[in-house]
Amino acid sequence: MYYAIMAEDHADVLDKRMAARPDHLARLELLKQQGRLLVAGPHPALDTEDPGPAGFTGSLVIAEFDSLEDARLWADADPYVTAGVYNKVTVKPYKKVLP
């Protein structure tokens, strides 16, 4: 089943986000290679693809896991969590309907 991992950043953590980004992306790349990643990306702080120094307000990952508990464990181990980027992480089951 798919699970939505919705994260909100702490304020002013762009430097921490950028430092942890390679490890964060490596984990997402592994999900992609396994065919389990539906979509992933950050929420820009401004209404533009490149918010510059304004940074991001959080992230969304929708991926397939065996259970809600597995999705939560994966989310808890994210480099953005351990680096102090994320303030809050919510994990919920997700049902893909369209397209």
PDB file of N, CA and C in Angstrom:
ATOM      1  N   MET A   1       0.842  -1.168   0.000  1.00  0.00           N
ATOM      2  CA  MET A   1       0.000   0.000   0.000  1.00  0.00           C
ATOM      3  C   MET A   1       0.893   1.238   0.000  1.00  0.00           C
ATOM      4  N   TYR A   2       0.358   2.305  -0.586  1.00  0.00           N
ATOM      5  CA  TYR A   2       1.074   3.578  -0.561  1.00  0.00           C
ATOM      6  C   TYR A   2       0.825   4.305   0.762  1.00  0.00           C
ATOM      7  N   TYR A   3       1.833   5.104   1.154  1.00  0.00           N
ATOM      8  CA  TYR A   3       1.738   5.951   2.341  1.00  0.00           C
ATOM      9  C   TYR A   3       2.269   7.333   1.992  1.00  0.00           C
ATOM     10  N   ALA A   4       1.568   8.360   2.485  1.00  0.00           N
ATOM     11  CA  ALA A   4       2.006   9.740   2.309  1.00  0.00           C
ATOM     12  C   ALA A   4       2.796  10.146   3.539  1.00  0.00           C
ATOM     13  N   ILE A   5       4.003  10.604   3.301  1.00  0.00           N
ATOM     14  CA  ILE A   5       4.871  11.102   4.369  1.00  0.00           C
ATOM     15  C   ILE A   5       4.959  12.611   4.164  1.00  0.00           C
ATOM     16  N   MET A   6       4.297  13.343   5.064  1.00  0.00           N
ATOM     17  CA  MET A   6       4.191  14.799   4.936  1.00  0.00           C
ATOM     18  C   MET A   6       5.004  15.429   6.057  1.00  0.00           C
ATOM     19  N   ALA A   7       6.001  16.209   5.677  1.00  0.00           N
ATOM     20  CA  ALA A   7       6.902  16.787   6.666  1.00  0.00           C
ATOM     21  C   ALA A   7       6.880  18.305   6.599  1.00  0.00           C
ATOM     22  N   GLU A   8       7.010  18.919   7.772  1.00  0.00           N
ATOM     23  CA  GLU A   8       7.104  20.370   7.884  1.00  0.00           C
ATOM     24  C   GLU A   8       8.474  20.712   8.452  1.00  0.00           C
ATOM     25  N   ASP A   9       9.132  21.685   7.823  1.00  0.00           N
ATOM     26  CA  ASP A   9      10.461  22.098   8.276  1.00  0.00           C
ATOM     27  C   ASP A   9      10.373  23.040   9.477  1.00  0.00           C
ATOM     28  N   HIS A  10      11.443  23.030  10.280  1.00  0.00           N
ATOM     29  CA  HIS A  10      11.671  24.106  11.234  1.00  0.00           C
ATOM     30  C   HIS A  10      11.950  25.376  10.423  1.00  0.00           C
ATOM     31  N   ALA A  11      11.885  26.521  11.042  1.00  0.00           N
ATOM     32  CA  ALA A  11      12.236  27.782  10.384  1.00  0.00           C
ATOM     33  C   ALA A  11      13.754  27.874  10.212  1.00  0.00           C
ATOM     34  N   ASP A  12      14.167  28.497   9.131  1.00  0.00           N
ATOM     35  CA  ASP A  12      15.583  28.819   8.897  1.00  0.00           C
ATOM     36  C   ASP A  12      16.517  27.613   8.961  1.00  0.00           C
ATOM     37  N   VAL A  13      16.180  26.563   8.214  1.00  0.00           N
ATOM     38  CA  VAL A  13      17.021  25.363   8.222  1.00  0.00           C
ATOM     39  C   VAL A  13      17.564  25.021   6.828  1.00  0.00           C
ATOM     40  N   LEU A  14      17.594  25.996   5.929  1.00  0.00           N
ATOM     41  CA  LEU A  14      18.045  25.714   4.569  1.00  0.00           C
ATOM     42  C   LEU A  14      19.460  25.131   4.555  1.00  0.00           C
ATOM     43  N   ASP A  15      20.361  25.657   5.365  1.00  0.00           N
ATOM     44  CA  ASP A  15      21.726  25.123   5.396  1.00  0.00           C
ATOM     45  C   ASP A  15      21.742  23.663   5.855  1.00  0.00           C
ATOM     46  N   LYS A  16      20.958  23.333   6.872  1.00  0.00           N
ATOM     47  CA  LYS A  16      20.874  21.945   7.349  1.00  0.00           C
ATOM     48  C   LYS A  16      20.262  21.054   6.267  1.00  0.00           C
ATOM     49  N   ARG A  17      19.240  21.574   5.599  1.00  0.00           N
ATOM     50  CA  ARG A  17      18.567  20.815   4.527  1.00  0.00           C
ATOM     51  C   ARG A  17      19.566  20.498   3.418  1.00  0.00           C
ATOM     52  N   MET A  18      20.320  21.487   2.994  1.00  0.00           N
ATOM     53  CA  MET A  18      21.254  21.285   1.893  1.00  0.00           C
ATOM     54  C   MET A  18      22.379  20.328   2.284  1.00  0.00           C
ATOM     55  N   ALA A  19      22.812  20.371   3.532  1.00  0.00           N
ATOM     56  CA  ALA A  19      23.869  19.474   3.995  1.00  0.00           C
ATOM     57  C   ALA A  19      23.391  18.016   4.030  1.00  0.00           C
ATOM     58  N   ALA A  20      22.139  17.798   4.402  1.00  0.00           N
ATOM     59  CA  ALA A  20      21.597  16.440   4.509  1.00  0.00           C
ATOM     60  C   ALA A  20      20.999  15.939   3.196  1.00  0.00           C
ATOM     61  N   ARG A  21      20.874  16.803   2.213  1.00  0.00           N
ATOM     62  CA  ARG A  21      20.184  16.475   0.960  1.00  0.00           C
ATOM     63  C   ARG A  21      20.760  15.252   0.230  1.00  0.00           C
ATOM     64  N   PRO A  22      22.077  15.109   0.071  1.00  0.00           N
ATOM     65  CA  PRO A  22      22.578  13.929  -0.648  1.00  0.00           C
ATOM     66  C   PRO A  22      22.133  12.607  -0.020  1.00  0.00           C
ATOM     67  N   ASP A  23      22.180  12.506   1.298  1.00  0.00           N
ATOM     68  CA  ASP A  23      21.744  11.273   1.966  1.00  0.00           C
ATOM     69  C   ASP A  23      20.237  11.079   1.847  1.00  0.00           C
ATOM     70  N   HIS A  24      19.486  12.173   1.940  1.00  0.00           N
ATOM     71  CA  HIS A  24      18.028  12.120   1.781  1.00  0.00           C
ATOM     72  C   HIS A  24      17.678  11.607   0.381  1.00  0.00           C
ATOM     73  N   LEU A  25      18.322  12.167  -0.634  1.00  0.00           N
ATOM     74  CA  LEU A  25      18.044  11.759  -2.015  1.00  0.00           C
ATOM     75  C   LEU A  25      18.466  10.326  -2.285  1.00  0.00           C
ATOM     76  N   ALA A  26      19.527   9.868  -1.654  1.00  0.00           N
ATOM     77  CA  ALA A  26      19.970   8.482  -1.842  1.00  0.00           C
ATOM     78  C   ALA A  26      18.913   7.490  -1.366  1.00  0.00           C
ATOM     79  N   ARG A  27      18.260   7.804  -0.271  1.00  0.00           N
ATOM     80  CA  ARG A  27      17.192   6.925   0.234  1.00  0.00           C
ATOM     81  C   ARG A  27      16.003   6.911  -0.721  1.00  0.00           C
ATOM     82  N   LEU A  28      15.685   8.089  -1.267  1.00  0.00           N
ATOM     83  CA  LEU A  28      14.582   8.164  -2.231  1.00  0.00           C
ATOM     84  C   LEU A  28      14.939   7.425  -3.512  1.00  0.00           C
ATOM     85  N   GLU A  29      16.176   7.541  -3.940  1.00  0.00           N
ATOM     86  CA  GLU A  29      16.627   6.841  -5.143  1.00  0.00           C
ATOM     87  C   GLU A  29      16.496   5.330  -4.968  1.00  0.00           C
ATOM     88  N   LEU A  30      16.794   4.827  -3.784  1.00  0.00           N
ATOM     89  CA  LEU A  30      16.640   3.396  -3.514  1.00  0.00           C
ATOM     90  C   LEU A  30      15.179   2.974  -3.635  1.00  0.00           C
ATOM     91  N   LEU A  31      14.258   3.768  -3.068  1.00  0.00           N
ATOM     92  CA  LEU A  31      12.827   3.470  -3.229  1.00  0.00           C
ATOM     93  C   LEU A  31      12.446   3.464  -4.706  1.00  0.00           C
ATOM     94  N   LYS A  32      12.973   4.418  -5.450  1.00  0.00           N
ATOM     95  CA  LYS A  32      12.680   4.502  -6.889  1.00  0.00           C
ATOM     96  C   LYS A  32      13.174   3.246  -7.614  1.00  0.00           C
ATOM     97  N   GLN A  33      14.404   2.844  -7.328  1.00  0.00           N
ATOM     98  CA  GLN A  33      14.977   1.654  -7.964  1.00  0.00           C
ATOM     99  C   GLN A  33      14.181   0.401  -7.632  1.00  0.00           C
ATOM    100  N   GLN A  34      13.579   0.378  -6.454  1.00  0.00           N
ATOM    101  CA  GLN A  34      12.770  -0.764  -6.031  1.00  0.00           C
ATOM    102  C   GLN A  34      11.351  -0.707  -6.596  1.00  0.00           C
ATOM    103  N   GLY A  35      11.026   0.371  -7.319  1.00  0.00           N
ATOM    104  CA  GLY A  35       9.693   0.530  -7.891  1.00  0.00           C
ATOM    105  C   GLY A  35       8.640   0.898  -6.856  1.00  0.00           C
ATOM    106  N   ARG A  36       9.052   1.465  -5.732  1.00  0.00           N
ATOM    107  CA  ARG A  36       8.119   1.765  -4.638  1.00  0.00           C
ATOM    108  C   ARG A  36       7.799   3.245  -4.496  1.00  0.00           C
ATOM    109  N   LEU A  37       8.490   4.112  -5.218  1.00  0.00           N
ATOM    110  CA  LEU A  37       8.303   5.556  -5.084  1.00  0.00           C
ATOM    111  C   LEU A  37       7.302   6.065  -6.103  1.00  0.00           C
ATOM    112  N   LEU A  38       6.236   6.684  -5.620  1.00  0.00           N
ATOM    113  CA  LEU A  38       5.248   7.288  -6.509  1.00  0.00           C
ATOM    114  C   LEU A  38       5.651   8.716  -6.851  1.00  0.00           C
ATOM    115  N   VAL A  39       5.991   9.500  -5.825  1.00  0.00           N
ATOM    116  CA  VAL A  39       6.371  10.899  -6.021  1.00  0.00           C
ATOM    117  C   VAL A  39       7.092  11.389  -4.774  1.00  0.00           C
ATOM    118  N   ALA A  40       7.978  12.364  -4.957  1.00  0.00           N
ATOM    119  CA  ALA A  40       8.663  12.968  -3.815  1.00  0.00           C
ATOM    120  C   ALA A  40       9.137  14.354  -4.203  1.00  0.00           C
ATOM    121  N   GLY A  41       9.089  15.263  -3.253  1.00  0.00           N
ATOM    122  CA  GLY A  41       9.602  16.599  -3.516  1.00  0.00           C
ATOM    123  C   GLY A  41       9.335  17.547  -2.367  1.00  0.00           C
ATOM    124  N   PRO A  42      10.017  18.703  -2.409  1.00  0.00           N
ATOM    125  CA  PRO A  42       9.866  19.697  -1.359  1.00  0.00           C
ATOM    126  C   PRO A  42       8.745  20.684  -1.654  1.00  0.00           C
ATOM    127  N   HIS A  43       8.350  21.416  -0.619  1.00  0.00           N
ATOM    128  CA  HIS A  43       7.388  22.506  -0.743  1.00  0.00           C
ATOM    129  C   HIS A  43       8.170  23.821  -0.701  1.00  0.00           C
ATOM    130  N   PRO A  44       8.323  24.513  -1.847  1.00  0.00           N
ATOM    131  CA  PRO A  44       9.035  25.786  -1.840  1.00  0.00           C
ATOM    132  C   PRO A  44       8.330  26.805  -0.941  1.00  0.00           C
ATOM    133  N   ALA A  45       9.126  27.619  -0.256  1.00  0.00           N
ATOM    134  CA  ALA A  45       8.574  28.653   0.625  1.00  0.00           C
ATOM    135  C   ALA A  45       7.919  29.782  -0.165  1.00  0.00           C
ATOM    136  N   LEU A  46       8.303  29.919  -1.430  1.00  0.00           N
ATOM    137  CA  LEU A  46       7.713  30.925  -2.313  1.00  0.00           C
ATOM    138  C   LEU A  46       7.058  30.231  -3.493  1.00  0.00           C
ATOM    139  N   ASP A  47       6.167  30.921  -4.170  1.00  0.00           N
ATOM    140  CA  ASP A  47       5.447  30.360  -5.310  1.00  0.00           C
ATOM    141  C   ASP A  47       6.327  30.365  -6.559  1.00  0.00           C
ATOM    142  N   THR A  48       7.393  29.564  -6.478  1.00  0.00           N
ATOM    143  CA  THR A  48       8.337  29.430  -7.569  1.00  0.00           C
ATOM    144  C   THR A  48       9.091  28.124  -7.391  1.00  0.00           C
ATOM    145  N   GLU A  49       9.573  27.551  -8.491  1.00  0.00           N
ATOM    146  CA  GLU A  49      10.314  26.290  -8.388  1.00  0.00           C
ATOM    147  C   GLU A  49      11.635  26.462  -7.652  1.00  0.00           C
ATOM    148  N   ASP A  50      12.260  27.640  -7.774  1.00  0.00           N
ATOM    149  CA  ASP A  50      13.522  27.897  -7.086  1.00  0.00           C
ATOM    150  C   ASP A  50      13.325  29.054  -6.114  1.00  0.00           C
ATOM    151  N   PRO A  51      13.046  28.756  -4.846  1.00  0.00           N
ATOM    152  CA  PRO A  51      12.782  29.815  -3.883  1.00  0.00           C
ATOM    153  C   PRO A  51      14.031  30.524  -3.369  1.00  0.00           C
ATOM    154  N   GLY A  52      15.201  30.101  -3.856  1.00  0.00           N
ATOM    155  CA  GLY A  52      16.439  30.738  -3.418  1.00  0.00           C
ATOM    156  C   GLY A  52      16.624  30.646  -1.919  1.00  0.00           C
ATOM    157  N   PRO A  53      17.102  31.725  -1.292  1.00  0.00           N
ATOM    158  CA  PRO A  53      17.385  31.678   0.144  1.00  0.00           C
ATOM    159  C   PRO A  53      16.142  31.552   1.024  1.00  0.00           C
ATOM    160  N   ALA A  54      14.938  31.732   0.445  1.00  0.00           N
ATOM    161  CA  ALA A  54      13.710  31.525   1.228  1.00  0.00           C
ATOM    162  C   ALA A  54      13.551  30.055   1.594  1.00  0.00           C
ATOM    163  N   GLY A  55      14.131  29.173   0.790  1.00  0.00           N
ATOM    164  CA  GLY A  55      14.137  27.750   1.100  1.00  0.00           C
ATOM    165  C   GLY A  55      12.803  27.052   0.932  1.00  0.00           C
ATOM    166  N   PHE A  56      12.557  26.116   1.809  1.00  0.00           N
ATOM    167  CA  PHE A  56      11.405  25.227   1.703  1.00  0.00           C
ATOM    168  C   PHE A  56      10.683  25.148   3.044  1.00  0.00           C
ATOM    169  N   THR A  57       9.424  24.752   2.990  1.00  0.00           N
ATOM    170  CA  THR A  57       8.633  24.645   4.210  1.00  0.00           C
ATOM    171  C   THR A  57       8.389  23.199   4.628  1.00  0.00           C
ATOM    172  N   GLY A  58       8.823  22.261   3.806  1.00  0.00           N
ATOM    173  CA  GLY A  58       8.619  20.854   4.116  1.00  0.00           C
ATOM    174  C   GLY A  58       8.762  20.005   2.879  1.00  0.00           C
ATOM    175  N   SER A  59       8.301  18.765   2.976  1.00  0.00           N
ATOM    176  CA  SER A  59       8.436  17.810   1.884  1.00  0.00           C
ATOM    177  C   SER A  59       7.250  16.852   1.872  1.00  0.00           C
ATOM    178  N   LEU A  60       7.067  16.216   0.712  1.00  0.00           N
ATOM    179  CA  LEU A  60       6.063  15.174   0.551  1.00  0.00           C
ATOM    180  C   LEU A  60       6.710  13.985  -0.137  1.00  0.00           C
ATOM    181  N   VAL A  61       6.519  12.809   0.425  1.00  0.00           N
ATOM    182  CA  VAL A  61       6.944  11.553  -0.187  1.00  0.00           C
ATOM    183  C   VAL A  61       5.736  10.642  -0.186  1.00  0.00           C
ATOM    184  N   ILE A  62       5.428  10.070  -1.338  1.00  0.00           N
ATOM    185  CA  ILE A  62       4.394   9.037  -1.407  1.00  0.00           C
ATOM    186  C   ILE A  62       5.076   7.791  -1.956  1.00  0.00           C
ATOM    187  N   ALA A  63       5.102   6.755  -1.129  1.00  0.00           N
ATOM    188  CA  ALA A  63       5.821   5.543  -1.488  1.00  0.00           C
ATOM    189  C   ALA A  63       5.103   4.316  -0.925  1.00  0.00           C
ATOM    190  N   GLU A  64       5.471   3.183  -1.477  1.00  0.00           N
ATOM    191  CA  GLU A  64       4.861   1.913  -1.079  1.00  0.00           C
ATOM    192  C   GLU A  64       5.665   1.265   0.046  1.00  0.00           C
ATOM    193  N   PHE A  65       4.944   0.846   1.086  1.00  0.00           N
ATOM    194  CA  PHE A  65       5.533   0.127   2.212  1.00  0.00           C
ATOM    195  C   PHE A  65       4.612  -1.030   2.566  1.00  0.00           C
ATOM    196  N   ASP A  66       5.135  -1.989   3.324  1.00  0.00           N
ATOM    197  CA  ASP A  66       4.328  -3.144   3.721  1.00  0.00           C
ATOM    198  C   ASP A  66       3.271  -2.798   4.761  1.00  0.00           C
ATOM    199  N   SER A  67       3.529  -1.735   5.548  1.00  0.00           N
ATOM    200  CA  SER A  67       2.586  -1.376   6.603  1.00  0.00           C
ATOM    201  C   SER A  67       2.799   0.084   6.999  1.00  0.00           C
ATOM    202  N   LEU A  68       1.848   0.612   7.731  1.00  0.00           N
ATOM    203  CA  LEU A  68       1.968   1.962   8.271  1.00  0.00           C
ATOM    204  C   LEU A  68       3.180   2.050   9.194  1.00  0.00           C
ATOM    205  N   GLU A  69       3.400   1.036   9.995  1.00  0.00           N
ATOM    206  CA  GLU A  69       4.549   1.018  10.895  1.00  0.00           C
ATOM    207  C   GLU A  69       5.869   1.066  10.116  1.00  0.00           C
ATOM    208  N   ASP A  70       5.956   0.306   9.019  1.00  0.00           N
ATOM    209  CA  ASP A  70       7.168   0.342   8.188  1.00  0.00           C
ATOM    210  C   ASP A  70       7.384   1.723   7.593  1.00  0.00           C
ATOM    211  N   ALA A  71       6.305   2.362   7.160  1.00  0.00           N
ATOM    212  CA  ALA A  71       6.411   3.719   6.598  1.00  0.00           C
ATOM    213  C   ALA A  71       6.882   4.698   7.669  1.00  0.00           C
ATOM    214  N   ARG A  72       6.359   4.567   8.877  1.00  0.00           N
ATOM    215  CA  ARG A  72       6.775   5.455   9.975  1.00  0.00           C
ATOM    216  C   ARG A  72       8.241   5.243  10.340  1.00  0.00           C
ATOM    217  N   LEU A  73       8.663   3.985  10.391  1.00  0.00           N
ATOM    218  CA  LEU A  73      10.068   3.697  10.702  1.00  0.00           C
ATOM    219  C   LEU A  73      10.988   4.277   9.635  1.00  0.00           C
ATOM    220  N   TRP A  74      10.594   4.145   8.363  1.00  0.00           N
ATOM    221  CA  TRP A  74      11.396   4.707   7.280  1.00  0.00           C
ATOM    222  C   TRP A  74      11.460   6.227   7.412  1.00  0.00           C
ATOM    223  N   ALA A  75      10.329   6.852   7.680  1.00  0.00           N
ATOM    224  CA  ALA A  75      10.286   8.314   7.813  1.00  0.00           C
ATOM    225  C   ALA A  75      11.118   8.784   9.001  1.00  0.00           C
ATOM    226  N   ASP A  76      11.059   8.069  10.103  1.00  0.00           N
ATOM    227  CA  ASP A  76      11.813   8.453  11.305  1.00  0.00           C
ATOM    228  C   ASP A  76      13.318   8.398  11.083  1.00  0.00           C
ATOM    229  N   ALA A  77      13.765   7.579  10.136  1.00  0.00           N
ATOM    230  CA  ALA A  77      15.198   7.427   9.863  1.00  0.00           C
ATOM    231  C   ALA A  77      15.692   8.378   8.777  1.00  0.00           C
ATOM    232  N   ASP A  78      14.833   9.255   8.291  1.00  0.00           N
ATOM    233  CA  ASP A  78      15.232  10.174   7.219  1.00  0.00           C
ATOM    234  C   ASP A  78      16.355  11.103   7.691  1.00  0.00           C
ATOM    235  N   PRO A  79      17.346  11.343   6.851  1.00  0.00           N
ATOM    236  CA  PRO A  79      18.430  12.265   7.220  1.00  0.00           C
ATOM    237  C   PRO A  79      17.944  13.666   7.583  1.00  0.00           C
ATOM    238  N   TYR A  80      16.828  14.104   7.021  1.00  0.00           N
ATOM    239  CA  TYR A  80      16.289  15.411   7.390  1.00  0.00           C
ATOM    240  C   TYR A  80      15.761  15.411   8.823  1.00  0.00           C
ATOM    241  N   VAL A  81      15.325  14.263   9.310  1.00  0.00           N
ATOM    242  CA  VAL A  81      14.900  14.149  10.707  1.00  0.00           C
ATOM    243  C   VAL A  81      16.122  14.211  11.610  1.00  0.00           C
ATOM    244  N   THR A  82      17.114  13.390  11.311  1.00  0.00           N
ATOM    245  CA  THR A  82      18.295  13.332  12.168  1.00  0.00           C
ATOM    246  C   THR A  82      19.110  14.624  12.130  1.00  0.00           C
ATOM    247  N   ALA A  83      19.017  15.388  11.018  1.00  0.00           N
ATOM    248  CA  ALA A  83      19.748  16.657  10.907  1.00  0.00           C
ATOM    249  C   ALA A  83      18.988  17.831  11.518  1.00  0.00           C
ATOM    250  N   GLY A  84      17.756  17.585  11.982  1.00  0.00           N
ATOM    251  CA  GLY A  84      16.976  18.655  12.596  1.00  0.00           C
ATOM    252  C   GLY A  84      16.287  19.574  11.603  1.00  0.00           C
ATOM    253  N   VAL A  85      16.089  19.106  10.377  1.00  0.00           N
ATOM    254  CA  VAL A  85      15.381  19.904   9.360  1.00  0.00           C
ATOM    255  C   VAL A  85      13.874  19.865   9.619  1.00  0.00           C
ATOM    256  N   TYR A  86      13.358  18.675   9.842  1.00  0.00           N
ATOM    257  CA  TYR A  86      11.913  18.517  10.000  1.00  0.00           C
ATOM    258  C   TYR A  86      11.480  18.817  11.436  1.00  0.00           C
ATOM    259  N   ASN A  87      10.426  19.596  11.538  1.00  0.00           N
ATOM    260  CA  ASN A  87       9.789  19.913  12.813  1.00  0.00           C
ATOM    261  C   ASN A  87       8.707  18.893  13.141  1.00  0.00           C
ATOM    262  N   LYS A  88       7.994  18.457  12.095  1.00  0.00           N
ATOM    263  CA  LYS A  88       6.868  17.538  12.277  1.00  0.00           C
ATOM    264  C   LYS A  88       6.774  16.635  11.064  1.00  0.00           C
ATOM    265  N   VAL A  89       6.500  15.348  11.288  1.00  0.00           N
ATOM    266  CA  VAL A  89       6.318  14.388  10.203  1.00  0.00           C
ATOM    267  C   VAL A  89       5.027  13.621  10.467  1.00  0.00           C
ATOM    268  N   THR A  90       4.156  13.619   9.471  1.00  0.00           N
ATOM    269  CA  THR A  90       2.894  12.882   9.549  1.00  0.00           C
ATOM    270  C   THR A  90       2.914  11.803   8.479  1.00  0.00           C
ATOM    271  N   VAL A  91       2.526  10.587   8.844  1.00  0.00           N
ATOM    272  CA  VAL A  91       2.477   9.473   7.904  1.00  0.00           C
ATOM    273  C   VAL A  91       1.048   8.940   7.890  1.00  0.00           C
ATOM    274  N   LYS A  92       0.477   8.876   6.680  1.00  0.00           N
ATOM    275  CA  LYS A  92      -0.896   8.386   6.533  1.00  0.00           C
ATOM    276  C   LYS A  92      -0.989   7.439   5.346  1.00  0.00           C
ATOM    277  N   PRO A  93      -1.915   6.455   5.412  1.00  0.00           N
ATOM    278  CA  PRO A  93      -2.162   5.634   4.239  1.00  0.00           C
ATOM    279  C   PRO A  93      -2.659   6.523   3.084  1.00  0.00           C
ATOM    280  N   TYR A  94      -2.300   6.131   1.876  1.00  0.00           N
ATOM    281  CA  TYR A  94      -2.673   6.901   0.685  1.00  0.00           C
ATOM    282  C   TYR A  94      -3.218   5.939  -0.368  1.00  0.00           C
ATOM    283  N   LYS A  95      -4.356   6.290  -0.918  1.00  0.00           N
ATOM    284  CA  LYS A  95      -4.972   5.484  -1.972  1.00  0.00           C
ATOM    285  C   LYS A  95      -4.892   6.250  -3.280  1.00  0.00           C
ATOM    286  N   LYS A  96      -4.103   5.735  -4.217  1.00  0.00           N
ATOM    287  CA  LYS A  96      -3.993   6.358  -5.530  1.00  0.00           C
ATOM    288  C   LYS A  96      -5.241   6.030  -6.346  1.00  0.00           C
ATOM    289  N   VAL A  97      -5.909   7.077  -6.843  1.00  0.00           N
ATOM    290  CA  VAL A  97      -7.103   6.892  -7.652  1.00  0.00           C
ATOM    291  C   VAL A  97      -6.844   7.329  -9.108  1.00  0.00           C
ATOM    292  N   LEU A  98      -6.259   8.492  -9.295  1.00  0.00           N
ATOM    293  CA  LEU A  98      -5.984   9.020 -10.634  1.00  0.00           C
ATOM    294  C   LEU A  98      -4.544   9.494 -10.723  1.00  0.00           C
ATOM    295  N   PRO A  99      -3.894   9.537 -11.809  1.00  0.00           N
ATOM    296  CA  PRO A  99      -4.307   8.948 -13.073  1.00  0.00           C
ATOM    297  C   PRO A  99      -4.138   7.455 -13.066  1.00  0.00           C
TER     298      PRO A  99
END
